[in-house]
N, C-alpha and C. Protein backbone atom coordinates (compact mmCIF):
# COMPACT_ATOMS: atom_id res chain seq x y z
N UNK A 1 -17.93 -27.13 -6.50
CA UNK A 1 -17.40 -25.75 -6.35
C UNK A 1 -16.69 -25.67 -5.00
N UNK A 2 -15.54 -25.02 -4.90
CA UNK A 2 -14.69 -24.97 -3.72
C UNK A 2 -14.85 -23.55 -3.15
N UNK A 3 -15.04 -23.57 -1.77
CA UNK A 3 -15.03 -22.23 -1.21
C UNK A 3 -13.73 -21.88 -0.60
N UNK A 4 -13.17 -20.78 -0.86
CA UNK A 4 -11.85 -20.40 -0.42
C UNK A 4 -11.86 -19.86 0.97
N UNK A 5 -10.94 -20.30 1.74
CA UNK A 5 -10.74 -19.83 3.15
C UNK A 5 -9.62 -18.82 3.20
N UNK A 6 -9.99 -17.59 3.42
CA UNK A 6 -9.02 -16.50 3.39
C UNK A 6 -8.96 -15.92 4.81
N UNK A 7 -7.75 -15.95 5.37
CA UNK A 7 -7.50 -15.36 6.72
C UNK A 7 -7.36 -13.88 6.49
N UNK A 8 -7.87 -13.11 7.54
CA UNK A 8 -7.64 -11.65 7.53
C UNK A 8 -6.14 -11.37 7.45
N UNK A 9 -5.68 -10.42 6.74
CA UNK A 9 -4.20 -10.08 6.55
C UNK A 9 -3.58 -9.80 7.87
N UNK A 10 -4.32 -9.07 8.70
CA UNK A 10 -3.74 -8.62 9.99
C UNK A 10 -3.50 -9.86 10.93
N UNK A 11 -4.33 -10.84 10.79
CA UNK A 11 -4.13 -12.04 11.60
C UNK A 11 -3.00 -12.92 11.02
N UNK A 12 -3.01 -13.20 9.78
CA UNK A 12 -1.91 -13.98 9.19
C UNK A 12 -0.64 -13.29 9.42
N UNK A 13 -0.48 -12.00 9.13
CA UNK A 13 0.72 -11.23 9.31
C UNK A 13 1.22 -11.28 10.77
N UNK A 14 0.28 -11.07 11.62
CA UNK A 14 0.69 -11.04 13.06
C UNK A 14 1.27 -12.43 13.50
N UNK A 15 0.58 -13.47 12.99
CA UNK A 15 1.02 -14.87 13.31
C UNK A 15 2.40 -15.15 12.87
N UNK A 16 2.67 -14.75 11.53
CA UNK A 16 4.04 -14.95 11.05
C UNK A 16 5.01 -14.09 11.78
N UNK A 17 4.73 -12.83 12.05
CA UNK A 17 5.62 -12.07 12.85
C UNK A 17 6.02 -12.63 14.34
N UNK A 18 4.90 -13.11 14.93
CA UNK A 18 5.13 -13.77 16.24
C UNK A 18 5.92 -14.96 16.10
N UNK A 19 5.76 -15.74 15.05
CA UNK A 19 6.49 -16.90 14.79
C UNK A 19 7.98 -16.62 14.60
N UNK A 20 8.24 -15.53 13.83
CA UNK A 20 9.61 -15.19 13.62
C UNK A 20 10.32 -14.87 14.94
N UNK A 21 9.59 -14.02 15.72
CA UNK A 21 10.25 -13.45 16.97
C UNK A 21 10.35 -14.69 18.00
N UNK A 22 9.46 -15.56 18.08
CA UNK A 22 9.61 -16.71 18.93
C UNK A 22 10.63 -17.55 18.50
N UNK A 23 10.89 -17.87 17.21
CA UNK A 23 11.88 -18.72 16.69
C UNK A 23 13.30 -18.06 17.07
N UNK A 24 13.39 -16.73 16.84
CA UNK A 24 14.63 -16.13 17.24
C UNK A 24 14.94 -16.14 18.70
N UNK A 25 13.89 -15.95 19.59
CA UNK A 25 14.13 -15.98 21.02
C UNK A 25 14.59 -17.47 21.35
N UNK A 26 14.06 -18.44 20.85
CA UNK A 26 14.26 -19.84 21.22
C UNK A 26 15.63 -20.39 20.63
N UNK A 27 15.88 -20.03 19.47
CA UNK A 27 17.04 -20.52 18.76
C UNK A 27 18.27 -19.61 18.66
N UNK A 28 17.96 -18.31 18.66
CA UNK A 28 18.93 -17.28 18.39
C UNK A 28 19.31 -17.15 16.96
N UNK A 29 18.41 -17.81 16.04
CA UNK A 29 18.76 -17.74 14.65
C UNK A 29 17.45 -17.16 13.84
N UNK A 30 17.75 -16.56 12.74
CA UNK A 30 16.68 -16.04 11.91
C UNK A 30 16.20 -17.20 11.07
N UNK A 31 14.89 -17.23 10.68
CA UNK A 31 14.29 -18.17 9.77
C UNK A 31 14.09 -17.64 8.46
N UNK A 32 14.69 -18.20 7.37
CA UNK A 32 14.55 -17.71 6.13
C UNK A 32 14.69 -18.89 5.10
N UNK A 33 14.06 -18.67 3.99
CA UNK A 33 13.89 -19.75 2.91
C UNK A 33 15.06 -19.65 2.06
N UNK A 34 15.54 -18.53 1.51
CA UNK A 34 16.64 -18.49 0.46
C UNK A 34 17.90 -19.11 1.02
N UNK A 35 18.26 -18.97 2.24
CA UNK A 35 19.40 -19.54 2.76
C UNK A 35 19.27 -21.05 2.79
N UNK A 36 18.02 -21.54 3.08
CA UNK A 36 17.68 -22.98 3.07
C UNK A 36 17.99 -23.59 1.72
N UNK A 37 17.63 -22.89 0.66
CA UNK A 37 17.98 -23.44 -0.61
C UNK A 37 19.49 -23.52 -0.87
N UNK A 38 20.25 -22.59 -0.44
CA UNK A 38 21.60 -22.60 -0.38
C UNK A 38 22.17 -23.88 0.35
N UNK A 39 21.54 -24.18 1.44
CA UNK A 39 21.88 -25.39 2.19
C UNK A 39 21.67 -26.61 1.52
N UNK A 40 20.55 -26.62 0.71
CA UNK A 40 20.22 -27.74 -0.13
C UNK A 40 21.17 -27.96 -1.15
N UNK A 41 21.59 -26.85 -1.92
CA UNK A 41 22.58 -26.87 -2.93
C UNK A 41 23.89 -27.34 -2.46
N UNK A 42 24.24 -27.03 -1.16
CA UNK A 42 25.51 -27.44 -0.66
C UNK A 42 25.54 -28.96 -0.47
N UNK A 43 24.40 -29.62 -0.29
CA UNK A 43 24.37 -31.08 -0.20
C UNK A 43 24.54 -31.78 -1.50
N UNK A 44 24.07 -31.11 -2.56
CA UNK A 44 24.16 -31.77 -3.95
C UNK A 44 25.28 -31.20 -4.88
N UNK A 45 25.93 -30.20 -4.45
CA UNK A 45 26.88 -29.43 -5.28
C UNK A 45 28.26 -29.52 -4.58
N UNK A 46 29.31 -29.57 -5.47
CA UNK A 46 30.69 -29.48 -4.98
C UNK A 46 31.24 -28.15 -5.14
N UNK A 47 30.44 -27.23 -5.67
CA UNK A 47 30.87 -25.86 -5.84
C UNK A 47 31.45 -25.18 -4.58
N UNK A 48 32.58 -24.66 -4.69
CA UNK A 48 33.33 -24.14 -3.38
C UNK A 48 32.47 -23.00 -2.71
N UNK A 49 31.66 -22.26 -3.51
CA UNK A 49 30.89 -21.21 -2.87
C UNK A 49 29.88 -21.90 -1.90
N UNK A 50 29.27 -23.02 -2.18
CA UNK A 50 28.31 -23.64 -1.33
C UNK A 50 28.94 -24.50 -0.30
N UNK A 51 30.20 -24.69 -0.26
CA UNK A 51 30.91 -25.40 0.76
C UNK A 51 31.42 -24.54 1.86
N UNK A 52 31.00 -23.25 1.88
CA UNK A 52 31.37 -22.32 3.01
C UNK A 52 30.58 -22.86 4.34
N UNK A 53 31.17 -22.66 5.49
CA UNK A 53 30.54 -23.08 6.76
C UNK A 53 29.10 -22.60 6.90
N UNK A 54 28.84 -21.45 6.38
CA UNK A 54 27.44 -20.91 6.56
C UNK A 54 26.45 -21.78 5.92
N UNK A 55 26.80 -22.34 4.80
CA UNK A 55 25.80 -23.30 4.09
C UNK A 55 25.88 -24.67 4.57
N UNK A 56 27.03 -25.22 4.87
CA UNK A 56 27.21 -26.58 5.19
C UNK A 56 26.71 -26.80 6.59
N UNK A 57 26.97 -25.90 7.57
CA UNK A 57 26.75 -26.12 8.98
C UNK A 57 25.24 -25.77 9.39
N UNK A 58 24.53 -25.23 8.43
CA UNK A 58 23.18 -24.89 8.71
C UNK A 58 22.07 -25.81 8.00
N UNK A 59 22.42 -27.01 7.97
CA UNK A 59 21.44 -27.91 7.10
C UNK A 59 20.09 -28.16 7.80
N UNK A 60 19.98 -27.66 8.93
CA UNK A 60 18.73 -27.74 9.67
C UNK A 60 17.67 -26.91 8.91
N UNK A 61 18.16 -25.94 8.23
CA UNK A 61 17.07 -25.14 7.40
C UNK A 61 16.35 -25.92 6.27
N UNK A 62 17.04 -27.06 5.79
CA UNK A 62 16.37 -27.87 4.78
C UNK A 62 15.09 -28.44 5.29
N UNK A 63 15.09 -28.80 6.59
CA UNK A 63 13.88 -29.32 7.16
C UNK A 63 12.74 -28.24 7.11
N UNK A 64 13.19 -26.99 7.21
CA UNK A 64 12.12 -25.88 7.17
C UNK A 64 11.46 -25.85 5.85
N UNK A 65 12.25 -26.02 4.70
CA UNK A 65 11.56 -26.00 3.38
C UNK A 65 10.79 -27.24 3.22
N UNK A 66 11.35 -28.40 3.71
CA UNK A 66 10.52 -29.57 3.62
C UNK A 66 9.23 -29.38 4.36
N UNK A 67 9.21 -28.79 5.52
CA UNK A 67 8.04 -28.51 6.32
C UNK A 67 7.04 -27.65 5.60
N UNK A 68 7.58 -26.72 4.93
CA UNK A 68 6.63 -25.75 4.11
C UNK A 68 5.81 -26.59 3.06
N UNK A 69 6.51 -27.48 2.36
CA UNK A 69 5.81 -28.30 1.45
C UNK A 69 4.84 -29.21 2.11
N UNK A 70 5.26 -29.89 3.11
CA UNK A 70 4.31 -30.74 3.85
C UNK A 70 3.15 -30.01 4.45
N UNK A 71 3.49 -28.93 5.08
CA UNK A 71 2.42 -28.00 5.61
C UNK A 71 1.42 -27.55 4.66
N UNK A 72 1.84 -27.16 3.45
CA UNK A 72 0.98 -26.71 2.37
C UNK A 72 0.03 -27.96 1.91
N UNK A 73 0.69 -29.16 1.83
CA UNK A 73 -0.21 -30.32 1.51
C UNK A 73 -1.27 -30.55 2.60
N UNK A 74 -0.81 -30.51 3.80
CA UNK A 74 -1.69 -30.77 4.97
C UNK A 74 -2.87 -29.71 4.98
N UNK A 75 -2.53 -28.40 4.70
CA UNK A 75 -3.54 -27.36 4.61
C UNK A 75 -4.46 -27.56 3.44
N UNK A 76 -3.99 -28.10 2.32
CA UNK A 76 -4.80 -28.40 1.20
C UNK A 76 -5.83 -29.54 1.54
N UNK A 77 -5.30 -30.55 2.21
CA UNK A 77 -6.16 -31.66 2.62
C UNK A 77 -7.25 -31.26 3.68
N UNK A 78 -6.89 -30.30 4.49
CA UNK A 78 -7.85 -29.87 5.50
C UNK A 78 -8.89 -29.02 4.79
N UNK A 79 -8.46 -28.09 3.85
CA UNK A 79 -9.37 -27.20 3.16
C UNK A 79 -10.34 -27.97 2.28
N UNK A 80 -9.82 -29.09 1.63
CA UNK A 80 -10.60 -29.90 0.76
C UNK A 80 -10.56 -31.31 1.12
N UNK A 81 -11.20 -31.75 2.17
CA UNK A 81 -11.11 -33.13 2.71
C UNK A 81 -11.48 -34.21 1.63
N UNK A 82 -10.75 -35.23 1.52
CA UNK A 82 -11.02 -36.33 0.68
C UNK A 82 -10.77 -36.08 -0.78
N UNK A 83 -10.25 -34.95 -1.24
CA UNK A 83 -9.92 -34.78 -2.60
C UNK A 83 -8.73 -34.05 -2.82
N UNK A 84 -7.99 -34.28 -3.97
CA UNK A 84 -6.78 -33.59 -4.26
C UNK A 84 -7.12 -32.65 -5.33
N UNK A 85 -6.90 -31.40 -5.06
CA UNK A 85 -7.26 -30.37 -5.99
C UNK A 85 -5.89 -29.67 -6.58
N UNK A 86 -5.68 -29.92 -7.82
CA UNK A 86 -4.57 -29.33 -8.55
C UNK A 86 -5.04 -27.98 -9.31
N UNK A 87 -4.48 -26.93 -8.94
CA UNK A 87 -4.92 -25.71 -9.66
C UNK A 87 -3.67 -24.83 -10.01
N UNK A 88 -3.48 -24.64 -11.29
CA UNK A 88 -2.42 -23.75 -11.73
C UNK A 88 -2.89 -22.32 -11.98
N UNK A 89 -3.94 -21.94 -11.64
CA UNK A 89 -4.41 -20.61 -11.82
C UNK A 89 -3.80 -19.67 -10.71
N UNK A 90 -3.19 -18.66 -11.15
CA UNK A 90 -2.44 -17.76 -10.26
C UNK A 90 -3.18 -16.37 -10.16
N UNK A 91 -4.38 -16.24 -10.68
CA UNK A 91 -5.15 -15.09 -10.48
C UNK A 91 -5.12 -14.25 -11.80
N UNK A 92 -6.06 -13.29 -11.90
CA UNK A 92 -6.19 -12.57 -13.13
C UNK A 92 -5.00 -11.76 -13.56
N UNK A 93 -4.31 -11.15 -12.49
CA UNK A 93 -3.18 -10.33 -12.83
C UNK A 93 -1.99 -11.20 -13.50
N UNK A 94 -1.71 -12.29 -12.94
CA UNK A 94 -0.74 -13.18 -13.52
C UNK A 94 -1.28 -13.78 -14.81
N UNK A 95 -2.50 -14.17 -14.97
CA UNK A 95 -2.97 -14.79 -16.16
C UNK A 95 -2.99 -13.78 -17.33
N UNK A 96 -3.06 -12.58 -17.08
CA UNK A 96 -3.04 -11.48 -18.15
C UNK A 96 -1.62 -11.23 -18.70
N UNK A 97 -0.58 -11.69 -17.94
CA UNK A 97 0.75 -11.30 -18.39
C UNK A 97 1.60 -12.54 -18.73
N UNK A 98 1.14 -13.78 -18.14
CA UNK A 98 1.89 -15.08 -18.45
C UNK A 98 1.41 -15.75 -19.65
N UNK A 99 2.15 -16.50 -20.28
CA UNK A 99 1.75 -17.21 -21.48
C UNK A 99 0.56 -18.18 -21.02
N UNK A 100 -0.31 -18.48 -21.97
CA UNK A 100 -1.37 -19.42 -21.60
C UNK A 100 -0.90 -20.84 -21.71
N UNK A 101 0.07 -21.21 -22.54
CA UNK A 101 0.62 -22.52 -22.69
C UNK A 101 1.24 -22.85 -21.38
N UNK A 102 0.86 -24.04 -20.77
CA UNK A 102 1.39 -24.38 -19.40
C UNK A 102 2.87 -24.69 -19.48
N UNK A 103 3.44 -25.25 -20.48
CA UNK A 103 4.88 -25.47 -20.58
C UNK A 103 5.63 -24.26 -20.61
N UNK A 104 5.19 -23.30 -21.44
CA UNK A 104 5.88 -22.01 -21.46
C UNK A 104 5.72 -21.19 -20.32
N UNK A 105 4.60 -21.28 -19.55
CA UNK A 105 4.36 -20.66 -18.33
C UNK A 105 5.27 -21.16 -17.28
N UNK A 106 5.53 -22.44 -17.31
CA UNK A 106 6.49 -23.12 -16.27
C UNK A 106 7.92 -22.65 -16.59
N UNK A 107 8.27 -22.55 -17.90
CA UNK A 107 9.61 -22.01 -18.25
C UNK A 107 9.76 -20.68 -17.73
N UNK A 108 8.90 -19.75 -18.01
CA UNK A 108 8.92 -18.31 -17.60
C UNK A 108 9.02 -18.20 -16.07
N UNK A 109 8.17 -19.01 -15.35
CA UNK A 109 8.21 -18.91 -13.88
C UNK A 109 9.54 -19.52 -13.33
N UNK A 110 10.02 -20.62 -13.98
CA UNK A 110 11.34 -21.11 -13.50
C UNK A 110 12.46 -20.08 -13.62
N UNK A 111 12.53 -19.53 -14.81
CA UNK A 111 13.75 -18.55 -15.08
C UNK A 111 13.45 -17.31 -14.13
N UNK A 112 12.25 -16.92 -13.94
CA UNK A 112 11.92 -15.84 -12.96
C UNK A 112 12.36 -16.22 -11.57
N UNK A 113 12.22 -17.45 -11.18
CA UNK A 113 12.67 -17.90 -9.86
C UNK A 113 14.25 -17.91 -9.78
N UNK A 114 14.94 -18.30 -10.96
CA UNK A 114 16.37 -18.24 -10.97
C UNK A 114 16.81 -16.78 -10.81
N UNK A 115 16.18 -15.89 -11.49
CA UNK A 115 16.62 -14.53 -11.33
C UNK A 115 16.36 -13.97 -9.83
N UNK A 116 15.35 -14.43 -9.28
CA UNK A 116 14.99 -13.98 -7.92
C UNK A 116 16.03 -14.51 -6.97
N UNK A 117 16.42 -15.83 -7.26
CA UNK A 117 17.50 -16.49 -6.43
C UNK A 117 18.81 -15.76 -6.49
N UNK A 118 19.18 -15.35 -7.63
CA UNK A 118 20.37 -14.53 -7.87
C UNK A 118 20.37 -13.26 -7.09
N UNK A 119 19.15 -12.66 -7.30
CA UNK A 119 18.93 -11.32 -6.61
C UNK A 119 19.01 -11.55 -5.05
N UNK A 120 18.37 -12.59 -4.59
CA UNK A 120 18.40 -12.78 -3.15
C UNK A 120 19.81 -13.01 -2.59
N UNK A 121 20.63 -13.62 -3.40
CA UNK A 121 21.99 -13.83 -3.04
C UNK A 121 22.76 -12.57 -3.01
N UNK A 122 22.51 -11.76 -3.96
CA UNK A 122 23.26 -10.44 -4.12
C UNK A 122 22.78 -9.49 -2.95
N UNK A 123 21.51 -9.64 -2.55
CA UNK A 123 20.99 -8.61 -1.53
C UNK A 123 21.10 -9.18 -0.09
N UNK A 124 21.63 -10.38 0.05
CA UNK A 124 21.82 -10.89 1.35
C UNK A 124 20.51 -11.45 2.00
N UNK A 125 19.59 -11.89 1.02
CA UNK A 125 18.39 -12.35 1.48
C UNK A 125 17.27 -12.02 0.43
N UNK A 126 16.21 -12.75 0.48
CA UNK A 126 15.14 -12.45 -0.34
C UNK A 126 14.20 -11.34 0.12
N UNK A 127 13.26 -10.98 -0.68
CA UNK A 127 12.44 -9.80 -0.27
C UNK A 127 11.62 -10.23 0.88
N UNK A 128 10.95 -11.36 0.84
CA UNK A 128 10.11 -11.75 2.01
C UNK A 128 10.99 -11.98 3.19
N UNK A 129 12.26 -12.50 3.07
CA UNK A 129 13.07 -12.75 4.14
C UNK A 129 13.44 -11.50 4.82
N UNK A 130 13.74 -10.42 4.07
CA UNK A 130 14.04 -9.08 4.71
C UNK A 130 12.85 -8.58 5.48
N UNK A 131 11.68 -8.71 4.94
CA UNK A 131 10.47 -8.10 5.51
C UNK A 131 10.02 -9.02 6.61
N UNK A 132 9.84 -10.33 6.39
CA UNK A 132 9.34 -11.15 7.37
C UNK A 132 10.22 -11.47 8.61
N UNK A 133 11.45 -11.59 8.25
CA UNK A 133 12.39 -11.87 9.35
C UNK A 133 13.05 -10.71 9.95
N UNK A 134 13.40 -9.76 9.05
CA UNK A 134 14.12 -8.52 9.45
C UNK A 134 13.31 -7.52 10.22
N UNK A 135 12.04 -7.27 9.76
CA UNK A 135 11.28 -6.29 10.48
C UNK A 135 10.93 -6.62 11.92
N UNK A 136 10.45 -7.96 12.20
CA UNK A 136 10.13 -8.27 13.61
C UNK A 136 11.38 -8.17 14.52
N UNK A 137 12.68 -8.31 13.92
CA UNK A 137 13.86 -8.14 14.65
C UNK A 137 14.33 -6.64 14.72
N UNK A 138 13.46 -5.76 14.23
CA UNK A 138 13.71 -4.33 14.27
C UNK A 138 14.95 -3.89 13.50
N UNK A 139 15.32 -4.62 12.38
CA UNK A 139 16.43 -4.46 11.66
C UNK A 139 16.13 -3.24 10.75
N UNK A 140 16.85 -2.08 11.01
CA UNK A 140 16.52 -0.85 10.18
C UNK A 140 16.67 -0.98 8.62
N UNK A 141 17.64 -1.80 8.19
CA UNK A 141 17.88 -1.90 6.76
C UNK A 141 16.70 -2.82 6.26
N UNK A 142 16.17 -3.73 6.95
CA UNK A 142 14.94 -4.46 6.49
C UNK A 142 13.73 -3.70 6.40
N UNK A 143 13.61 -2.88 7.34
CA UNK A 143 12.45 -1.87 7.33
C UNK A 143 12.44 -1.16 6.06
N UNK A 144 13.64 -0.50 5.85
CA UNK A 144 13.83 0.34 4.55
C UNK A 144 13.64 -0.54 3.32
N UNK A 145 14.29 -1.67 3.36
CA UNK A 145 14.18 -2.58 2.23
C UNK A 145 12.67 -3.02 1.98
N UNK A 146 11.95 -3.28 2.94
CA UNK A 146 10.64 -3.69 2.88
C UNK A 146 9.72 -2.55 2.19
N UNK A 147 10.03 -1.32 2.69
CA UNK A 147 9.24 -0.16 2.09
C UNK A 147 9.53 -0.03 0.60
N UNK A 148 10.83 -0.18 0.29
CA UNK A 148 11.27 -0.02 -1.16
C UNK A 148 10.73 -1.21 -1.95
N UNK A 149 10.75 -2.39 -1.45
CA UNK A 149 10.11 -3.59 -2.14
C UNK A 149 8.68 -3.30 -2.60
N UNK A 150 7.94 -2.71 -1.55
CA UNK A 150 6.44 -2.55 -1.84
C UNK A 150 6.41 -1.37 -2.86
N UNK A 151 7.12 -0.31 -2.70
CA UNK A 151 7.02 0.77 -3.70
C UNK A 151 7.42 0.26 -5.05
N UNK A 152 8.48 -0.43 -5.13
CA UNK A 152 8.92 -1.04 -6.40
C UNK A 152 7.86 -1.95 -7.03
N UNK A 153 7.20 -2.76 -6.27
CA UNK A 153 6.24 -3.65 -6.68
C UNK A 153 4.99 -2.96 -7.19
N UNK A 154 4.55 -1.83 -6.49
CA UNK A 154 3.39 -1.17 -6.80
C UNK A 154 3.68 -0.40 -8.27
N UNK A 155 4.83 0.19 -8.29
CA UNK A 155 5.29 0.86 -9.54
C UNK A 155 5.37 -0.21 -10.71
N UNK A 156 5.92 -1.37 -10.47
CA UNK A 156 6.05 -2.35 -11.62
C UNK A 156 4.67 -2.90 -12.08
N UNK A 157 3.75 -3.12 -11.07
CA UNK A 157 2.47 -3.56 -11.49
C UNK A 157 1.62 -2.59 -12.17
N UNK A 158 1.81 -1.21 -11.78
CA UNK A 158 1.10 -0.14 -12.50
C UNK A 158 1.65 -0.12 -13.98
N UNK A 159 2.89 -0.26 -14.11
CA UNK A 159 3.51 -0.26 -15.44
C UNK A 159 3.01 -1.42 -16.28
N UNK A 160 3.07 -2.61 -15.70
CA UNK A 160 2.64 -3.83 -16.43
C UNK A 160 1.19 -3.71 -16.88
N UNK A 161 0.29 -3.34 -15.88
CA UNK A 161 -1.09 -3.26 -16.17
C UNK A 161 -1.54 -2.10 -17.06
N UNK A 162 -0.93 -1.00 -16.80
CA UNK A 162 -1.31 0.12 -17.68
C UNK A 162 -0.56 0.32 -19.06
N UNK A 163 0.53 -0.12 -19.10
CA UNK A 163 1.32 0.00 -20.37
C UNK A 163 1.40 -1.26 -21.15
N UNK A 164 1.85 -2.37 -20.48
CA UNK A 164 1.97 -3.62 -21.34
C UNK A 164 0.65 -4.31 -21.61
N UNK A 165 -0.22 -4.36 -20.61
CA UNK A 165 -1.46 -5.08 -20.91
C UNK A 165 -2.51 -4.29 -21.66
N UNK A 166 -2.57 -2.98 -21.35
CA UNK A 166 -3.70 -2.17 -22.01
C UNK A 166 -3.33 -1.87 -23.36
N UNK A 167 -2.14 -2.03 -23.83
CA UNK A 167 -1.70 -1.66 -25.25
C UNK A 167 -1.74 -2.85 -26.27
């Protein structure tokens, strides 16, 4: 049996916020993931949209997403030394609304990711990018966006759990 290591939300959130501010002070650039995926697509695509200077000249962001994957692997190895633990359980809320078949679940999550990617492009950044990068920079539109994302998330989960699951 594995014991979960859960950091207090205030500590994890403060650490992420301080990282964002420090990164901006040191580099003069904001750190975000959705733009990094655009940089990755610029490497493999000839689509003119992704050949814009903003995507082609910022390929350093690709190393950020590579670091996220490597960092997650290292964290898993530290949390569970000497064993590789693969777990596709996303928690009770997700298990209640996602298909039980693993292949179908992967298809639903993939297309959900595609929809989120399109939304991130239309909104000028993803939800977490606006909140995690924008709020520490005291960006007013990011503060407002963050509040609306949370309100929208609460309303959506209430609808899903009370209307779709209970019926």
